[in-house]
Amino acid sequence: MSIPKHTLTESEVSRVVEMAWEDRTPFEVIEATFGLSESETIKLMRREMKASSFRLWRKRVTGRVTKHRKLRGFDVGRGYCPTQYKR
């Protein structure tokens, strides 16, 4: 498995997992906040989750409109401050 371009702290990894798990947070927000592409986020999720949890997550988010900003027909504000994690 390749190493991500950016080395994330334990709290940043936790936040990426949380954001990726949320249905309303698109992968583009994770990329803008932490510099991880969708494929890098998927690799991180595979590494950080139990295999069965990862499979459930992948099944749920694959093709999900809310996880891809291009497919969304609306903007949803989030309840956190993304600058807290901005690099």
PDB file of N, CA and C in Angstrom:
ATOM      1  N   MET A   1       0.849  -1.177   0.000  1.00  0.00           N
ATOM      2  CA  MET A   1       0.000   0.000   0.000  1.00  0.00           C
ATOM      3  C   MET A   1       0.895   1.241   0.000  1.00  0.00           C
ATOM      4  N   SER A   2       0.575   2.200  -0.814  1.00  0.00           N
ATOM      5  CA  SER A   2       1.399   3.389  -0.903  1.00  0.00           C
ATOM      6  C   SER A   2       1.156   4.307   0.293  1.00  0.00           C
ATOM      7  N   ILE A   3       2.155   5.087   0.612  1.00  0.00           N
ATOM      8  CA  ILE A   3       2.060   6.034   1.717  1.00  0.00           C
ATOM      9  C   ILE A   3       1.450   7.321   1.182  1.00  0.00           C
ATOM     10  N   PRO A   4       0.466   7.897   1.915  1.00  0.00           N
ATOM     11  CA  PRO A   4      -0.135   9.145   1.464  1.00  0.00           C
ATOM     12  C   PRO A   4       0.913  10.247   1.338  1.00  0.00           C
ATOM     13  N   LYS A   5       0.624  11.232   0.495  1.00  0.00           N
ATOM     14  CA  LYS A   5       1.538  12.351   0.288  1.00  0.00           C
ATOM     15  C   LYS A   5       1.798  13.102   1.588  1.00  0.00           C
ATOM     16  N   HIS A   6       0.765  13.210   2.421  1.00  0.00           N
ATOM     17  CA  HIS A   6       0.860  13.958   3.663  1.00  0.00           C
ATOM     18  C   HIS A   6       0.822  12.995   4.842  1.00  0.00           C
ATOM     19  N   THR A   7       1.638  13.254   5.825  1.00  0.00           N
ATOM     20  CA  THR A   7       1.585  12.470   7.043  1.00  0.00           C
ATOM     21  C   THR A   7       0.585  13.134   7.966  1.00  0.00           C
ATOM     22  N   LEU A   8      -0.434  12.376   8.354  1.00  0.00           N
ATOM     23  CA  LEU A   8      -1.495  12.907   9.194  1.00  0.00           C
ATOM     24  C   LEU A   8      -1.260  12.511  10.642  1.00  0.00           C
ATOM     25  N   THR A   9      -1.648  13.397  11.553  1.00  0.00           N
ATOM     26  CA  THR A   9      -1.586  13.065  12.964  1.00  0.00           C
ATOM     27  C   THR A   9      -2.716  12.093  13.286  1.00  0.00           C
ATOM     28  N   GLU A  10      -2.659  11.503  14.455  1.00  0.00           N
ATOM     29  CA  GLU A  10      -3.698  10.567  14.881  1.00  0.00           C
ATOM     30  C   GLU A  10      -5.072  11.236  14.926  1.00  0.00           C
ATOM     31  N   SER A  11      -5.125  12.481  15.391  1.00  0.00           N
ATOM     32  CA  SER A  11      -6.407  13.188  15.452  1.00  0.00           C
ATOM     33  C   SER A  11      -6.918  13.533  14.053  1.00  0.00           C
ATOM     34  N   GLU A  12      -6.016  13.833  13.118  1.00  0.00           N
ATOM     35  CA  GLU A  12      -6.424  14.106  11.738  1.00  0.00           C
ATOM     36  C   GLU A  12      -6.953  12.839  11.068  1.00  0.00           C
ATOM     37  N   VAL A  13      -6.306  11.707  11.307  1.00  0.00           N
ATOM     38  CA  VAL A  13      -6.788  10.435  10.758  1.00  0.00           C
ATOM     39  C   VAL A  13      -8.186  10.154  11.296  1.00  0.00           C
ATOM     40  N   SER A  14      -8.367  10.367  12.573  1.00  0.00           N
ATOM     41  CA  SER A  14      -9.681  10.161  13.190  1.00  0.00           C
ATOM     42  C   SER A  14     -10.738  11.050  12.539  1.00  0.00           C
ATOM     43  N   ARG A  15     -10.377  12.294  12.277  1.00  0.00           N
ATOM     44  CA  ARG A  15     -11.327  13.223  11.657  1.00  0.00           C
ATOM     45  C   ARG A  15     -11.623  12.834  10.213  1.00  0.00           C
ATOM     46  N   VAL A  16     -10.627  12.378   9.468  1.00  0.00           N
ATOM     47  CA  VAL A  16     -10.856  11.922   8.090  1.00  0.00           C
ATOM     48  C   VAL A  16     -11.827  10.747   8.096  1.00  0.00           C
ATOM     49  N   VAL A  17     -11.624   9.787   8.991  1.00  0.00           N
ATOM     50  CA  VAL A  17     -12.524   8.632   9.088  1.00  0.00           C
ATOM     51  C   VAL A  17     -13.939   9.102   9.406  1.00  0.00           C
ATOM     52  N   GLU A  18     -14.054  10.029  10.335  1.00  0.00           N
ATOM     53  CA  GLU A  18     -15.371  10.564  10.701  1.00  0.00           C
ATOM     54  C   GLU A  18     -16.040  11.250   9.510  1.00  0.00           C
ATOM     55  N   MET A  19     -15.287  12.079   8.800  1.00  0.00           N
ATOM     56  CA  MET A  19     -15.840  12.786   7.644  1.00  0.00           C
ATOM     57  C   MET A  19     -16.215  11.819   6.524  1.00  0.00           C
ATOM     58  N   ALA A  20     -15.367  10.812   6.292  1.00  0.00           N
ATOM     59  CA  ALA A  20     -15.646   9.840   5.234  1.00  0.00           C
ATOM     60  C   ALA A  20     -16.878   9.009   5.589  1.00  0.00           C
ATOM     61  N   TRP A  21     -17.065   8.738   6.873  1.00  0.00           N
ATOM     62  CA  TRP A  21     -18.208   7.944   7.318  1.00  0.00           C
ATOM     63  C   TRP A  21     -19.516   8.715   7.159  1.00  0.00           C
ATOM     64  N   GLU A  22     -19.467  10.039   7.308  1.00  0.00           N
ATOM     65  CA  GLU A  22     -20.665  10.866   7.170  1.00  0.00           C
ATOM     66  C   GLU A  22     -21.149  10.839   5.722  1.00  0.00           C
ATOM     67  N   ASP A  23     -22.429  10.667   5.545  1.00  0.00           N
ATOM     68  CA  ASP A  23     -22.990  10.614   4.196  1.00  0.00           C
ATOM     69  C   ASP A  23     -22.987  11.969   3.507  1.00  0.00           C
ATOM     70  N   ARG A  24     -23.079  13.046   4.269  1.00  0.00           N
ATOM     71  CA  ARG A  24     -23.219  14.372   3.662  1.00  0.00           C
ATOM     72  C   ARG A  24     -21.896  15.067   3.366  1.00  0.00           C
ATOM     73  N   THR A  25     -20.792  14.492   3.769  1.00  0.00           N
ATOM     74  CA  THR A  25     -19.493  15.125   3.536  1.00  0.00           C
ATOM     75  C   THR A  25     -18.875  14.564   2.259  1.00  0.00           C
ATOM     76  N   PRO A  26     -18.776  15.379   1.208  1.00  0.00           N
ATOM     77  CA  PRO A  26     -18.201  14.877  -0.052  1.00  0.00           C
ATOM     78  C   PRO A  26     -16.694  14.658   0.055  1.00  0.00           C
ATOM     79  N   PHE A  27     -16.194  13.779  -0.783  1.00  0.00           N
ATOM     80  CA  PHE A  27     -14.758  13.496  -0.806  1.00  0.00           C
ATOM     81  C   PHE A  27     -13.947  14.757  -1.119  1.00  0.00           C
ATOM     82  N   GLU A  28     -14.530  15.667  -1.880  1.00  0.00           N
ATOM     83  CA  GLU A  28     -13.817  16.901  -2.238  1.00  0.00           C
ATOM     84  C   GLU A  28     -13.506  17.747  -1.007  1.00  0.00           C
ATOM     85  N   VAL A  29     -14.365  17.710   0.004  1.00  0.00           N
ATOM     86  CA  VAL A  29     -14.113  18.463   1.240  1.00  0.00           C
ATOM     87  C   VAL A  29     -12.942  17.831   1.988  1.00  0.00           C
ATOM     88  N   ILE A  30     -12.878  16.513   2.008  1.00  0.00           N
ATOM     89  CA  ILE A  30     -11.746  15.828   2.642  1.00  0.00           C
ATOM     90  C   ILE A  30     -10.453  16.192   1.919  1.00  0.00           C
ATOM     91  N   GLU A  31     -10.524  16.242   0.594  1.00  0.00           N
ATOM     92  CA  GLU A  31      -9.328  16.606  -0.184  1.00  0.00           C
ATOM     93  C   GLU A  31      -8.911  18.054   0.087  1.00  0.00           C
ATOM     94  N   ALA A  32      -9.875  18.953   0.132  1.00  0.00           N
ATOM     95  CA  ALA A  32      -9.548  20.368   0.382  1.00  0.00           C
ATOM     96  C   ALA A  32      -9.010  20.576   1.795  1.00  0.00           C
ATOM     97  N   THR A  33      -9.498  19.817   2.747  1.00  0.00           N
ATOM     98  CA  THR A  33      -9.105  19.994   4.143  1.00  0.00           C
ATOM     99  C   THR A  33      -7.808  19.278   4.479  1.00  0.00           C
ATOM    100  N   PHE A  34      -7.654  18.042   4.003  1.00  0.00           N
ATOM    101  CA  PHE A  34      -6.507  17.223   4.400  1.00  0.00           C
ATOM    102  C   PHE A  34      -5.559  16.868   3.260  1.00  0.00           C
ATOM    103  N   GLY A  35      -5.923  17.196   2.015  1.00  0.00           N
ATOM    104  CA  GLY A  35      -5.058  16.900   0.887  1.00  0.00           C
ATOM    105  C   GLY A  35      -5.097  15.451   0.431  1.00  0.00           C
ATOM    106  N   LEU A  36      -6.122  14.698   0.857  1.00  0.00           N
ATOM    107  CA  LEU A  36      -6.247  13.295   0.453  1.00  0.00           C
ATOM    108  C   LEU A  36      -7.273  13.171  -0.669  1.00  0.00           C
ATOM    109  N   SER A  37      -6.874  12.572  -1.771  1.00  0.00           N
ATOM    110  CA  SER A  37      -7.813  12.322  -2.862  1.00  0.00           C
ATOM    111  C   SER A  37      -8.816  11.251  -2.428  1.00  0.00           C
ATOM    112  N   GLU A  38      -9.826  11.034  -3.246  1.00  0.00           N
ATOM    113  CA  GLU A  38     -10.816   9.998  -2.932  1.00  0.00           C
ATOM    114  C   GLU A  38     -10.141   8.634  -2.780  1.00  0.00           C
ATOM    115  N   SER A  39      -9.233   8.298  -3.698  1.00  0.00           N
ATOM    116  CA  SER A  39      -8.571   6.988  -3.618  1.00  0.00           C
ATOM    117  C   SER A  39      -7.676   6.884  -2.384  1.00  0.00           C
ATOM    118  N   GLU A  40      -7.013   7.971  -2.004  1.00  0.00           N
ATOM    119  CA  GLU A  40      -6.195   7.963  -0.788  1.00  0.00           C
ATOM    120  C   GLU A  40      -7.073   7.831   0.457  1.00  0.00           C
ATOM    121  N   THR A  41      -8.241   8.459   0.429  1.00  0.00           N
ATOM    122  CA  THR A  41      -9.181   8.347   1.543  1.00  0.00           C
ATOM    123  C   THR A  41      -9.664   6.907   1.668  1.00  0.00           C
ATOM    124  N   ILE A  42      -9.945   6.272   0.544  1.00  0.00           N
ATOM    125  CA  ILE A  42     -10.388   4.872   0.556  1.00  0.00           C
ATOM    126  C   ILE A  42      -9.287   3.978   1.127  1.00  0.00           C
ATOM    127  N   LYS A  43      -8.035   4.221   0.747  1.00  0.00           N
ATOM    128  CA  LYS A  43      -6.913   3.440   1.287  1.00  0.00           C
ATOM    129  C   LYS A  43      -6.797   3.637   2.798  1.00  0.00           C
ATOM    130  N   LEU A  44      -6.955   4.880   3.245  1.00  0.00           N
ATOM    131  CA  LEU A  44      -6.892   5.173   4.671  1.00  0.00           C
ATOM    132  C   LEU A  44      -8.018   4.442   5.406  1.00  0.00           C
ATOM    133  N   MET A  45      -9.226   4.481   4.842  1.00  0.00           N
ATOM    134  CA  MET A  45     -10.365   3.804   5.467  1.00  0.00           C
ATOM    135  C   MET A  45     -10.124   2.296   5.529  1.00  0.00           C
ATOM    136  N   ARG A  46      -9.576   1.718   4.483  1.00  0.00           N
ATOM    137  CA  ARG A  46      -9.280   0.278   4.471  1.00  0.00           C
ATOM    138  C   ARG A  46      -8.291  -0.059   5.582  1.00  0.00           C
ATOM    139  N   ARG A  47      -7.289   0.799   5.757  1.00  0.00           N
ATOM    140  CA  ARG A  47      -6.253   0.565   6.757  1.00  0.00           C
ATOM    141  C   ARG A  47      -6.783   0.745   8.181  1.00  0.00           C
ATOM    142  N   GLU A  48      -7.676   1.706   8.390  1.00  0.00           N
ATOM    143  CA  GLU A  48      -8.115   2.071   9.737  1.00  0.00           C
ATOM    144  C   GLU A  48      -9.326   1.293  10.241  1.00  0.00           C
ATOM    145  N   MET A  49     -10.076   0.656   9.350  1.00  0.00           N
ATOM    146  CA  MET A  49     -11.314  -0.013   9.749  1.00  0.00           C
ATOM    147  C   MET A  49     -11.160  -1.526   9.706  1.00  0.00           C
ATOM    148  N   LYS A  50     -12.035  -2.196  10.464  1.00  0.00           N
ATOM    149  CA  LYS A  50     -12.115  -3.652  10.342  1.00  0.00           C
ATOM    150  C   LYS A  50     -12.601  -3.957   8.926  1.00  0.00           C
ATOM    151  N   ALA A  51     -12.218  -5.104   8.406  1.00  0.00           N
ATOM    152  CA  ALA A  51     -12.565  -5.469   7.022  1.00  0.00           C
ATOM    153  C   ALA A  51     -14.075  -5.442   6.788  1.00  0.00           C
ATOM    154  N   SER A  52     -14.843  -5.970   7.724  1.00  0.00           N
ATOM    155  CA  SER A  52     -16.307  -6.010   7.541  1.00  0.00           C
ATOM    156  C   SER A  52     -16.903  -4.604   7.556  1.00  0.00           C
ATOM    157  N   SER A  53     -16.381  -3.734   8.408  1.00  0.00           N
ATOM    158  CA  SER A  53     -16.863  -2.342   8.460  1.00  0.00           C
ATOM    159  C   SER A  53     -16.496  -1.602   7.180  1.00  0.00           C
ATOM    160  N   PHE A  54     -15.291  -1.861   6.682  1.00  0.00           N
ATOM    161  CA  PHE A  54     -14.870  -1.226   5.433  1.00  0.00           C
ATOM    162  C   PHE A  54     -15.779  -1.639   4.287  1.00  0.00           C
ATOM    163  N   ARG A  55     -16.089  -2.933   4.181  1.00  0.00           N
ATOM    164  CA  ARG A  55     -16.969  -3.408   3.111  1.00  0.00           C
ATOM    165  C   ARG A  55     -18.346  -2.755   3.196  1.00  0.00           C
ATOM    166  N   LEU A  56     -18.895  -2.639   4.393  1.00  0.00           N
ATOM    167  CA  LEU A  56     -20.200  -1.977   4.566  1.00  0.00           C
ATOM    168  C   LEU A  56     -20.122  -0.511   4.137  1.00  0.00           C
ATOM    169  N   TRP A  57     -19.047   0.162   4.535  1.00  0.00           N
ATOM    170  CA  TRP A  57     -18.875   1.578   4.185  1.00  0.00           C
ATOM    171  C   TRP A  57     -18.763   1.748   2.672  1.00  0.00           C
ATOM    172  N   ARG A  58     -17.933   0.912   2.019  1.00  0.00           N
ATOM    173  CA  ARG A  58     -17.749   1.017   0.569  1.00  0.00           C
ATOM    174  C   ARG A  58     -19.053   0.768  -0.172  1.00  0.00           C
ATOM    175  N   LYS A  59     -19.801  -0.213   0.292  1.00  0.00           N
ATOM    176  CA  LYS A  59     -21.087  -0.510  -0.347  1.00  0.00           C
ATOM    177  C   LYS A  59     -22.029   0.683  -0.220  1.00  0.00           C
ATOM    178  N   ARG A  60     -22.011   1.341   0.946  1.00  0.00           N
ATOM    179  CA  ARG A  60     -22.897   2.467   1.189  1.00  0.00           C
ATOM    180  C   ARG A  60     -22.502   3.704   0.387  1.00  0.00           C
ATOM    181  N   VAL A  61     -21.206   4.009   0.278  1.00  0.00           N
ATOM    182  CA  VAL A  61     -20.792   5.268  -0.352  1.00  0.00           C
ATOM    183  C   VAL A  61     -20.539   5.165  -1.859  1.00  0.00           C
ATOM    184  N   THR A  62     -20.412   3.965  -2.389  1.00  0.00           N
ATOM    185  CA  THR A  62     -20.145   3.815  -3.814  1.00  0.00           C
ATOM    186  C   THR A  62     -21.312   4.371  -4.622  1.00  0.00           C
ATOM    187  N   GLY A  63     -21.020   5.391  -5.404  1.00  0.00           N
ATOM    188  CA  GLY A  63     -22.038   6.008  -6.252  1.00  0.00           C
ATOM    189  C   GLY A  63     -23.019   6.908  -5.522  1.00  0.00           C
ATOM    190  N   ARG A  64     -22.811   7.110  -4.236  1.00  0.00           N
ATOM    191  CA  ARG A  64     -23.723   7.952  -3.461  1.00  0.00           C
ATOM    192  C   ARG A  64     -23.592   9.403  -3.907  1.00  0.00           C
ATOM    193  N   VAL A  65     -24.715  10.000  -4.234  1.00  0.00           N
ATOM    194  CA  VAL A  65     -24.738  11.370  -4.749  1.00  0.00           C
ATOM    195  C   VAL A  65     -24.132  12.347  -3.754  1.00  0.00           C
ATOM    196  N   THR A  66     -24.416  12.200  -2.473  1.00  0.00           N
ATOM    197  CA  THR A  66     -23.946  13.166  -1.484  1.00  0.00           C
ATOM    198  C   THR A  66     -22.457  13.078  -1.206  1.00  0.00           C
ATOM    199  N   LYS A  67     -21.784  12.008  -1.627  1.00  0.00           N
ATOM    200  CA  LYS A  67     -20.350  11.889  -1.402  1.00  0.00           C
ATOM    201  C   LYS A  67     -19.522  12.480  -2.535  1.00  0.00           C
ATOM    202  N   HIS A  68     -20.178  12.915  -3.599  1.00  0.00           N
ATOM    203  CA  HIS A  68     -19.477  13.477  -4.751  1.00  0.00           C
ATOM    204  C   HIS A  68     -20.113  14.817  -5.103  1.00  0.00           C
ATOM    205  N   ARG A  69     -19.370  15.863  -4.907  1.00  0.00           N
ATOM    206  CA  ARG A  69     -19.900  17.215  -5.096  1.00  0.00           C
ATOM    207  C   ARG A  69     -20.462  17.438  -6.504  1.00  0.00           C
ATOM    208  N   LYS A  70     -19.845  16.832  -7.508  1.00  0.00           N
ATOM    209  CA  LYS A  70     -20.319  17.010  -8.892  1.00  0.00           C
ATOM    210  C   LYS A  70     -21.728  16.453  -9.080  1.00  0.00           C
ATOM    211  N   LEU A  71     -22.077  15.428  -8.327  1.00  0.00           N
ATOM    212  CA  LEU A  71     -23.387  14.791  -8.468  1.00  0.00           C
ATOM    213  C   LEU A  71     -24.465  15.464  -7.618  1.00  0.00           C
ATOM    214  N   ARG A  72     -24.055  16.336  -6.716  1.00  0.00           N
ATOM    215  CA  ARG A  72     -25.002  16.988  -5.816  1.00  0.00           C
ATOM    216  C   ARG A  72     -25.711  18.124  -6.525  1.00  0.00           C
ATOM    217  N   GLY A  73     -26.966  18.311  -6.204  1.00  0.00           N
ATOM    218  CA  GLY A  73     -27.724  19.407  -6.772  1.00  0.00           C
ATOM    219  C   GLY A  73     -27.863  20.569  -5.807  1.00  0.00           C
ATOM    220  N   PHE A  74     -27.133  20.516  -4.685  1.00  0.00           N
ATOM    221  CA  PHE A  74     -27.274  21.532  -3.652  1.00  0.00           C
ATOM    222  C   PHE A  74     -25.994  21.607  -2.835  1.00  0.00           C
ATOM    223  N   ASP A  75     -25.851  22.703  -2.092  1.00  0.00           N
ATOM    224  CA  ASP A  75     -24.729  22.844  -1.157  1.00  0.00           C
ATOM    225  C   ASP A  75     -25.259  22.653   0.246  1.00  0.00           C
ATOM    226  N   VAL A  76     -24.571  21.858   1.015  1.00  0.00           N
ATOM    227  CA  VAL A  76     -24.957  21.622   2.396  1.00  0.00           C
ATOM    228  C   VAL A  76     -23.860  22.179   3.274  1.00  0.00           C
ATOM    229  N   GLY A  77     -24.234  23.057   4.167  1.00  0.00           N
ATOM    230  CA  GLY A  77     -23.258  23.574   5.112  1.00  0.00           C
ATOM    231  C   GLY A  77     -22.959  22.524   6.163  1.00  0.00           C
ATOM    232  N   ARG A  78     -21.788  22.580   6.723  1.00  0.00           N
ATOM    233  CA  ARG A  78     -21.398  21.635   7.751  1.00  0.00           C
ATOM    234  C   ARG A  78     -21.269  22.359   9.069  1.00  0.00           C
ATOM    235  N   GLY A  79     -21.401  21.629  10.151  1.00  0.00           N
ATOM    236  CA  GLY A  79     -21.375  22.210  11.481  1.00  0.00           C
ATOM    237  C   GLY A  79     -20.009  22.258  12.114  1.00  0.00           C
ATOM    238  N   TYR A  80     -18.938  22.165  11.347  1.00  0.00           N
ATOM    239  CA  TYR A  80     -17.605  22.246  11.918  1.00  0.00           C
ATOM    240  C   TYR A  80     -16.816  23.310  11.186  1.00  0.00           C
ATOM    241  N   CYS A  81     -15.745  23.704  11.790  1.00  0.00           N
ATOM    242  CA  CYS A  81     -14.893  24.723  11.192  1.00  0.00           C
ATOM    243  C   CYS A  81     -13.738  24.029  10.470  1.00  0.00           C
ATOM    244  N   PRO A  82     -13.759  23.992   9.139  1.00  0.00           N
ATOM    245  CA  PRO A  82     -12.707  23.277   8.420  1.00  0.00           C
ATOM    246  C   PRO A  82     -11.328  23.897   8.590  1.00  0.00           C
ATOM    247  N   THR A  83     -11.237  25.160   8.993  1.00  0.00           N
ATOM    248  CA  THR A  83      -9.925  25.784   9.160  1.00  0.00           C
ATOM    249  C   THR A  83      -9.188  25.213  10.354  1.00  0.00           C
ATOM    250  N   GLN A  84      -9.899  24.547  11.261  1.00  0.00           N
ATOM    251  CA  GLN A  84      -9.270  23.924  12.405  1.00  0.00           C
ATOM    252  C   GLN A  84      -8.250  22.886  11.952  1.00  0.00           C
ATOM    253  N   TYR A  85      -8.516  22.219  10.831  1.00  0.00           N
ATOM    254  CA  TYR A  85      -7.654  21.155  10.335  1.00  0.00           C
ATOM    255  C   TYR A  85      -6.882  21.575   9.106  1.00  0.00           C
ATOM    256  N   LYS A  86      -7.040  22.817   8.682  1.00  0.00           N
ATOM    257  CA  LYS A  86      -6.391  23.291   7.440  1.00  0.00           C
ATOM    258  C   LYS A  86      -4.878  23.239   7.605  1.00  0.00           C
ATOM    259  N   ARG A  87      -4.221  22.723   6.591  1.00  0.00           N
ATOM    260  CA  ARG A  87      -2.753  22.653   6.606  1.00  0.00           C
ATOM    261  C   ARG A  87      -2.169  23.928   6.070  1.00  0.00           C
TER     262      ARG A  87
END
